[in-house]
Amino acid sequence: MANEQSSVLTKLFNTIESRKQCSTQESYTASLFAQGLAAITDKVMEEASEVCEAANISTKDHLIYELADLFYHSLVLAAFKGIKFSEIEAELANRFGKSGLAEKASRNKKQD
């Protein structure tokens, strides 16, 4: 099951990457790329807000819908910034076996 879900995310990311070459009239993703970083980050923030709102007042199905939108727009941002899906997977894999509290504390020390 996890491999199926992972392959869905990989396929989605590959599709997003391919949209860089599409017409903005044919692809919503291409239009986001054409609008640039500010538009993409605005969309990610909008979707994150909608996820929080849905978590508080909506059904489970609506929350799932909003989470999918946030995943999609986050992947568009990653592709725009030249981040590969494998890099995101590697970062997540690197976090396995670590305490979330310890990982967060190590980030705070790196930023000082």
N, C-alpha and C. Protein backbone atom coordinates (compact mmCIF):
# COMPACT_ATOMS: atom_id res chain seq x y z
N MET A 1 0.83 -1.21 0.00
CA MET A 1 0.00 0.00 0.00
C MET A 1 0.87 1.26 0.00
N ALA A 2 1.89 1.30 0.84
CA ALA A 2 2.76 2.48 0.89
C ALA A 2 3.44 2.71 -0.45
N ASN A 3 3.87 1.61 -1.12
CA ASN A 3 4.51 1.76 -2.42
C ASN A 3 3.55 2.31 -3.46
N GLU A 4 2.27 1.88 -3.39
CA GLU A 4 1.26 2.44 -4.30
C GLU A 4 1.11 3.93 -4.08
N GLN A 5 1.02 4.34 -2.83
CA GLN A 5 0.87 5.76 -2.53
C GLN A 5 2.10 6.54 -2.93
N SER A 6 3.26 5.97 -2.66
CA SER A 6 4.49 6.64 -3.06
C SER A 6 4.56 6.78 -4.57
N SER A 7 4.13 5.75 -5.29
CA SER A 7 4.18 5.85 -6.74
C SER A 7 3.20 6.91 -7.24
N VAL A 8 2.09 7.10 -6.55
CA VAL A 8 1.15 8.16 -6.93
C VAL A 8 1.83 9.52 -6.77
N LEU A 9 2.51 9.71 -5.68
CA LEU A 9 3.20 10.99 -5.47
C LEU A 9 4.34 11.17 -6.48
N THR A 10 5.06 10.10 -6.77
CA THR A 10 6.13 10.19 -7.77
C THR A 10 5.55 10.52 -9.14
N LYS A 11 4.46 9.86 -9.51
CA LYS A 11 3.80 10.15 -10.79
C LYS A 11 3.31 11.59 -10.83
N LEU A 12 2.72 12.05 -9.74
CA LEU A 12 2.25 13.43 -9.68
C LEU A 12 3.41 14.40 -9.87
N PHE A 13 4.51 14.15 -9.16
CA PHE A 13 5.66 15.05 -9.28
C PHE A 13 6.21 15.04 -10.70
N ASN A 14 6.30 13.87 -11.30
CA ASN A 14 6.78 13.78 -12.69
C ASN A 14 5.86 14.53 -13.65
N THR A 15 4.56 14.44 -13.41
CA THR A 15 3.59 15.19 -14.23
C THR A 15 3.79 16.68 -14.04
N ILE A 16 3.96 17.11 -12.80
CA ILE A 16 4.21 18.53 -12.52
C ILE A 16 5.45 18.99 -13.27
N GLU A 17 6.53 18.22 -13.18
CA GLU A 17 7.77 18.57 -13.90
C GLU A 17 7.52 18.71 -15.40
N SER A 18 6.73 17.80 -15.96
CA SER A 18 6.48 17.83 -17.40
C SER A 18 5.67 19.05 -17.82
N ARG A 19 4.92 19.60 -16.91
CA ARG A 19 4.08 20.77 -17.22
C ARG A 19 4.90 22.04 -17.43
N LYS A 20 6.17 22.01 -17.06
CA LYS A 20 7.04 23.17 -17.31
C LYS A 20 7.13 23.47 -18.80
N GLN A 21 6.91 22.44 -19.62
CA GLN A 21 7.02 22.58 -21.07
C GLN A 21 5.68 22.83 -21.75
N CYS A 22 4.61 22.90 -20.99
CA CYS A 22 3.26 23.03 -21.57
C CYS A 22 2.84 24.49 -21.71
N SER A 23 1.84 24.66 -22.52
CA SER A 23 1.23 25.97 -22.69
C SER A 23 0.44 26.33 -21.44
N THR A 24 0.48 27.59 -21.09
CA THR A 24 -0.29 28.05 -19.93
C THR A 24 -1.80 27.98 -20.20
N GLN A 25 -2.17 27.91 -21.46
CA GLN A 25 -3.58 27.79 -21.80
C GLN A 25 -4.08 26.35 -21.68
N GLU A 26 -3.14 25.40 -21.63
CA GLU A 26 -3.50 23.99 -21.55
C GLU A 26 -3.31 23.41 -20.16
N SER A 27 -2.58 24.10 -19.30
CA SER A 27 -2.20 23.50 -18.02
C SER A 27 -2.22 24.53 -16.90
N TYR A 28 -2.98 24.21 -15.86
CA TYR A 28 -3.00 25.05 -14.66
C TYR A 28 -1.60 25.08 -14.03
N THR A 29 -0.94 23.94 -14.01
CA THR A 29 0.41 23.88 -13.44
C THR A 29 1.36 24.78 -14.21
N ALA A 30 1.29 24.73 -15.53
CA ALA A 30 2.14 25.60 -16.35
C ALA A 30 1.86 27.07 -16.06
N SER A 31 0.59 27.38 -15.83
CA SER A 31 0.26 28.78 -15.52
C SER A 31 0.84 29.20 -14.18
N LEU A 32 0.88 28.28 -13.22
CA LEU A 32 1.53 28.60 -11.94
C LEU A 32 3.02 28.86 -12.14
N PHE A 33 3.68 27.99 -12.90
CA PHE A 33 5.11 28.20 -13.19
C PHE A 33 5.33 29.56 -13.85
N ALA A 34 4.47 29.92 -14.79
CA ALA A 34 4.61 31.18 -15.51
C ALA A 34 4.41 32.39 -14.60
N GLN A 35 3.55 32.24 -13.59
CA GLN A 35 3.30 33.34 -12.67
C GLN A 35 4.44 33.58 -11.70
N GLY A 36 5.25 32.56 -11.47
CA GLY A 36 6.44 32.73 -10.66
C GLY A 36 6.28 32.38 -9.19
N LEU A 37 7.38 32.58 -8.49
CA LEU A 37 7.50 32.17 -7.09
C LEU A 37 6.46 32.81 -6.19
N ALA A 38 6.24 34.09 -6.32
CA ALA A 38 5.29 34.77 -5.42
C ALA A 38 3.88 34.17 -5.55
N ALA A 39 3.45 33.90 -6.76
CA ALA A 39 2.12 33.32 -6.96
C ALA A 39 2.05 31.91 -6.40
N ILE A 40 3.12 31.15 -6.59
CA ILE A 40 3.13 29.78 -6.09
C ILE A 40 3.12 29.77 -4.57
N THR A 41 3.94 30.59 -3.94
CA THR A 41 3.96 30.61 -2.47
C THR A 41 2.65 31.14 -1.91
N ASP A 42 2.04 32.09 -2.58
CA ASP A 42 0.71 32.55 -2.16
C ASP A 42 -0.29 31.40 -2.19
N LYS A 43 -0.21 30.58 -3.22
CA LYS A 43 -1.13 29.45 -3.36
C LYS A 43 -0.88 28.42 -2.26
N VAL A 44 0.39 28.16 -1.94
CA VAL A 44 0.71 27.22 -0.86
C VAL A 44 0.15 27.74 0.46
N MET A 45 0.32 29.03 0.72
CA MET A 45 -0.22 29.60 1.96
C MET A 45 -1.74 29.54 2.00
N GLU A 46 -2.37 29.82 0.87
CA GLU A 46 -3.83 29.73 0.79
C GLU A 46 -4.30 28.31 1.09
N GLU A 47 -3.64 27.34 0.47
CA GLU A 47 -4.03 25.95 0.68
C GLU A 47 -3.77 25.50 2.12
N ALA A 48 -2.68 25.94 2.71
CA ALA A 48 -2.40 25.60 4.12
C ALA A 48 -3.49 26.15 5.03
N SER A 49 -3.92 27.36 4.75
CA SER A 49 -5.00 27.97 5.52
C SER A 49 -6.30 27.17 5.36
N GLU A 50 -6.57 26.73 4.14
CA GLU A 50 -7.79 25.94 3.89
C GLU A 50 -7.72 24.59 4.59
N VAL A 51 -6.53 24.01 4.70
CA VAL A 51 -6.37 22.76 5.44
C VAL A 51 -6.71 22.97 6.91
N CYS A 52 -6.19 24.04 7.49
CA CYS A 52 -6.46 24.33 8.90
C CYS A 52 -7.94 24.59 9.13
N GLU A 53 -8.54 25.34 8.24
CA GLU A 53 -9.98 25.62 8.35
C GLU A 53 -10.79 24.33 8.24
N ALA A 54 -10.45 23.49 7.29
CA ALA A 54 -11.17 22.23 7.11
C ALA A 54 -11.00 21.31 8.31
N ALA A 55 -9.82 21.33 8.90
CA ALA A 55 -9.57 20.49 10.08
C ALA A 55 -10.48 20.88 11.23
N ASN A 56 -10.81 22.15 11.30
CA ASN A 56 -11.62 22.65 12.41
C ASN A 56 -13.12 22.57 12.17
N ILE A 57 -13.55 22.67 10.92
CA ILE A 57 -15.00 22.80 10.71
C ILE A 57 -15.60 21.88 9.65
N SER A 58 -14.78 21.09 8.97
CA SER A 58 -15.30 20.31 7.84
C SER A 58 -15.28 18.82 8.12
N THR A 59 -15.81 18.09 7.16
CA THR A 59 -15.82 16.64 7.23
C THR A 59 -14.43 16.08 6.93
N LYS A 60 -14.24 14.83 7.26
CA LYS A 60 -12.98 14.15 6.96
C LYS A 60 -12.70 14.19 5.47
N ASP A 61 -13.71 13.93 4.64
CA ASP A 61 -13.53 13.94 3.19
C ASP A 61 -13.07 15.30 2.68
N HIS A 62 -13.62 16.36 3.23
CA HIS A 62 -13.21 17.70 2.80
C HIS A 62 -11.78 17.99 3.24
N LEU A 63 -11.41 17.55 4.42
CA LEU A 63 -10.03 17.73 4.89
C LEU A 63 -9.07 16.98 3.97
N ILE A 64 -9.41 15.77 3.59
CA ILE A 64 -8.57 14.99 2.67
C ILE A 64 -8.41 15.75 1.35
N TYR A 65 -9.50 16.30 0.84
CA TYR A 65 -9.47 17.08 -0.40
C TYR A 65 -8.50 18.27 -0.27
N GLU A 66 -8.60 18.99 0.84
CA GLU A 66 -7.74 20.16 1.05
C GLU A 66 -6.29 19.75 1.25
N LEU A 67 -6.05 18.64 1.94
CA LEU A 67 -4.68 18.14 2.11
C LEU A 67 -4.06 17.79 0.75
N ALA A 68 -4.86 17.17 -0.12
CA ALA A 68 -4.37 16.84 -1.46
C ALA A 68 -3.99 18.11 -2.23
N ASP A 69 -4.80 19.16 -2.10
CA ASP A 69 -4.46 20.43 -2.74
C ASP A 69 -3.15 20.99 -2.20
N LEU A 70 -2.96 20.90 -0.89
CA LEU A 70 -1.72 21.40 -0.29
C LEU A 70 -0.52 20.59 -0.75
N PHE A 71 -0.65 19.27 -0.80
CA PHE A 71 0.44 18.42 -1.30
C PHE A 71 0.79 18.84 -2.72
N TYR A 72 -0.23 18.95 -3.57
CA TYR A 72 0.00 19.31 -4.98
C TYR A 72 0.74 20.64 -5.09
N HIS A 73 0.24 21.68 -4.43
CA HIS A 73 0.86 22.99 -4.56
C HIS A 73 2.25 23.03 -3.93
N SER A 74 2.48 22.24 -2.90
CA SER A 74 3.83 22.14 -2.31
C SER A 74 4.79 21.48 -3.30
N LEU A 75 4.30 20.49 -4.03
CA LEU A 75 5.14 19.85 -5.04
C LEU A 75 5.42 20.79 -6.21
N VAL A 76 4.46 21.62 -6.56
CA VAL A 76 4.70 22.64 -7.60
C VAL A 76 5.81 23.57 -7.14
N LEU A 77 5.76 23.99 -5.89
CA LEU A 77 6.81 24.86 -5.35
C LEU A 77 8.16 24.17 -5.40
N ALA A 78 8.21 22.92 -4.99
CA ALA A 78 9.47 22.18 -5.04
C ALA A 78 10.02 22.12 -6.46
N ALA A 79 9.17 21.78 -7.41
CA ALA A 79 9.60 21.69 -8.81
C ALA A 79 10.08 23.04 -9.32
N PHE A 80 9.38 24.10 -8.95
CA PHE A 80 9.77 25.45 -9.38
C PHE A 80 11.17 25.80 -8.86
N LYS A 81 11.45 25.36 -7.64
CA LYS A 81 12.74 25.68 -7.02
C LYS A 81 13.84 24.67 -7.38
N GLY A 82 13.52 23.72 -8.27
CA GLY A 82 14.53 22.77 -8.72
C GLY A 82 14.80 21.64 -7.74
N ILE A 83 13.90 21.43 -6.82
CA ILE A 83 14.03 20.34 -5.86
C ILE A 83 13.42 19.09 -6.48
N LYS A 84 14.12 17.99 -6.39
CA LYS A 84 13.64 16.71 -6.92
C LYS A 84 12.84 15.99 -5.84
N PHE A 85 11.85 15.21 -6.27
CA PHE A 85 11.03 14.46 -5.32
C PHE A 85 11.90 13.51 -4.51
N SER A 86 12.92 12.95 -5.12
CA SER A 86 13.82 12.04 -4.40
C SER A 86 14.53 12.76 -3.26
N GLU A 87 14.78 14.04 -3.38
CA GLU A 87 15.40 14.81 -2.30
C GLU A 87 14.44 14.96 -1.11
N ILE A 88 13.17 15.14 -1.41
CA ILE A 88 12.16 15.24 -0.34
C ILE A 88 12.04 13.89 0.35
N GLU A 89 11.97 12.82 -0.45
CA GLU A 89 11.88 11.47 0.13
C GLU A 89 13.11 11.17 0.99
N ALA A 90 14.29 11.57 0.53
CA ALA A 90 15.52 11.32 1.28
C ALA A 90 15.50 12.06 2.62
N GLU A 91 15.01 13.29 2.60
CA GLU A 91 14.93 14.06 3.86
C GLU A 91 13.96 13.39 4.83
N LEU A 92 12.82 12.96 4.32
CA LEU A 92 11.86 12.27 5.19
C LEU A 92 12.44 10.96 5.72
N ALA A 93 13.11 10.20 4.85
CA ALA A 93 13.73 8.94 5.26
C ALA A 93 14.80 9.18 6.32
N ASN A 94 15.54 10.26 6.19
CA ASN A 94 16.59 10.62 7.14
C ASN A 94 16.03 10.88 8.53
N ARG A 95 14.78 11.27 8.59
CA ARG A 95 14.16 11.59 9.87
C ARG A 95 13.65 10.36 10.62
N PHE A 96 13.50 9.23 9.91
CA PHE A 96 13.05 8.02 10.58
C PHE A 96 14.08 7.59 11.61
N GLY A 97 13.60 7.13 12.75
CA GLY A 97 14.49 6.67 13.80
C GLY A 97 15.02 7.77 14.68
N LYS A 98 14.62 9.00 14.41
CA LYS A 98 15.02 10.13 15.23
C LYS A 98 13.81 10.66 15.97
N SER A 99 14.04 11.09 17.15
CA SER A 99 12.97 11.76 17.89
C SER A 99 12.67 13.08 17.22
N GLY A 100 11.40 13.36 17.04
CA GLY A 100 11.02 14.65 16.47
C GLY A 100 11.50 15.82 17.31
N LEU A 101 11.49 15.65 18.61
CA LEU A 101 11.98 16.71 19.50
C LEU A 101 13.48 16.91 19.34
N ALA A 102 14.23 15.80 19.25
CA ALA A 102 15.68 15.91 19.07
C ALA A 102 16.02 16.53 17.71
N GLU A 103 15.29 16.12 16.68
CA GLU A 103 15.53 16.66 15.34
C GLU A 103 15.28 18.16 15.32
N LYS A 104 14.20 18.58 15.95
CA LYS A 104 13.87 20.00 15.99
C LYS A 104 14.93 20.77 16.77
N ALA A 105 15.39 20.23 17.88
CA ALA A 105 16.43 20.89 18.68
C ALA A 105 17.72 21.02 17.88
N SER A 106 18.06 20.01 17.06
CA SER A 106 19.28 20.09 16.26
C SER A 106 19.17 21.17 15.19
N ARG A 107 17.96 21.37 14.66
CA ARG A 107 17.76 22.44 13.68
C ARG A 107 17.97 23.80 14.32
N ASN A 108 17.47 23.97 15.52
CA ASN A 108 17.62 25.25 16.21
C ASN A 108 19.09 25.56 16.48
N LYS A 109 19.90 24.56 16.81
CA LYS A 109 21.32 24.77 17.05
C LYS A 109 22.04 25.15 15.75
N LYS A 110 21.64 24.54 14.63
CA LYS A 110 22.26 24.84 13.33
C LYS A 110 21.99 26.28 12.90
N GLN A 111 20.86 26.84 13.31
CA GLN A 111 20.47 28.18 12.88
C GLN A 111 21.16 29.27 13.69
N ASP A 112 21.71 28.91 14.86
CA ASP A 112 22.37 29.92 15.72
C ASP A 112 23.66 30.40 15.17
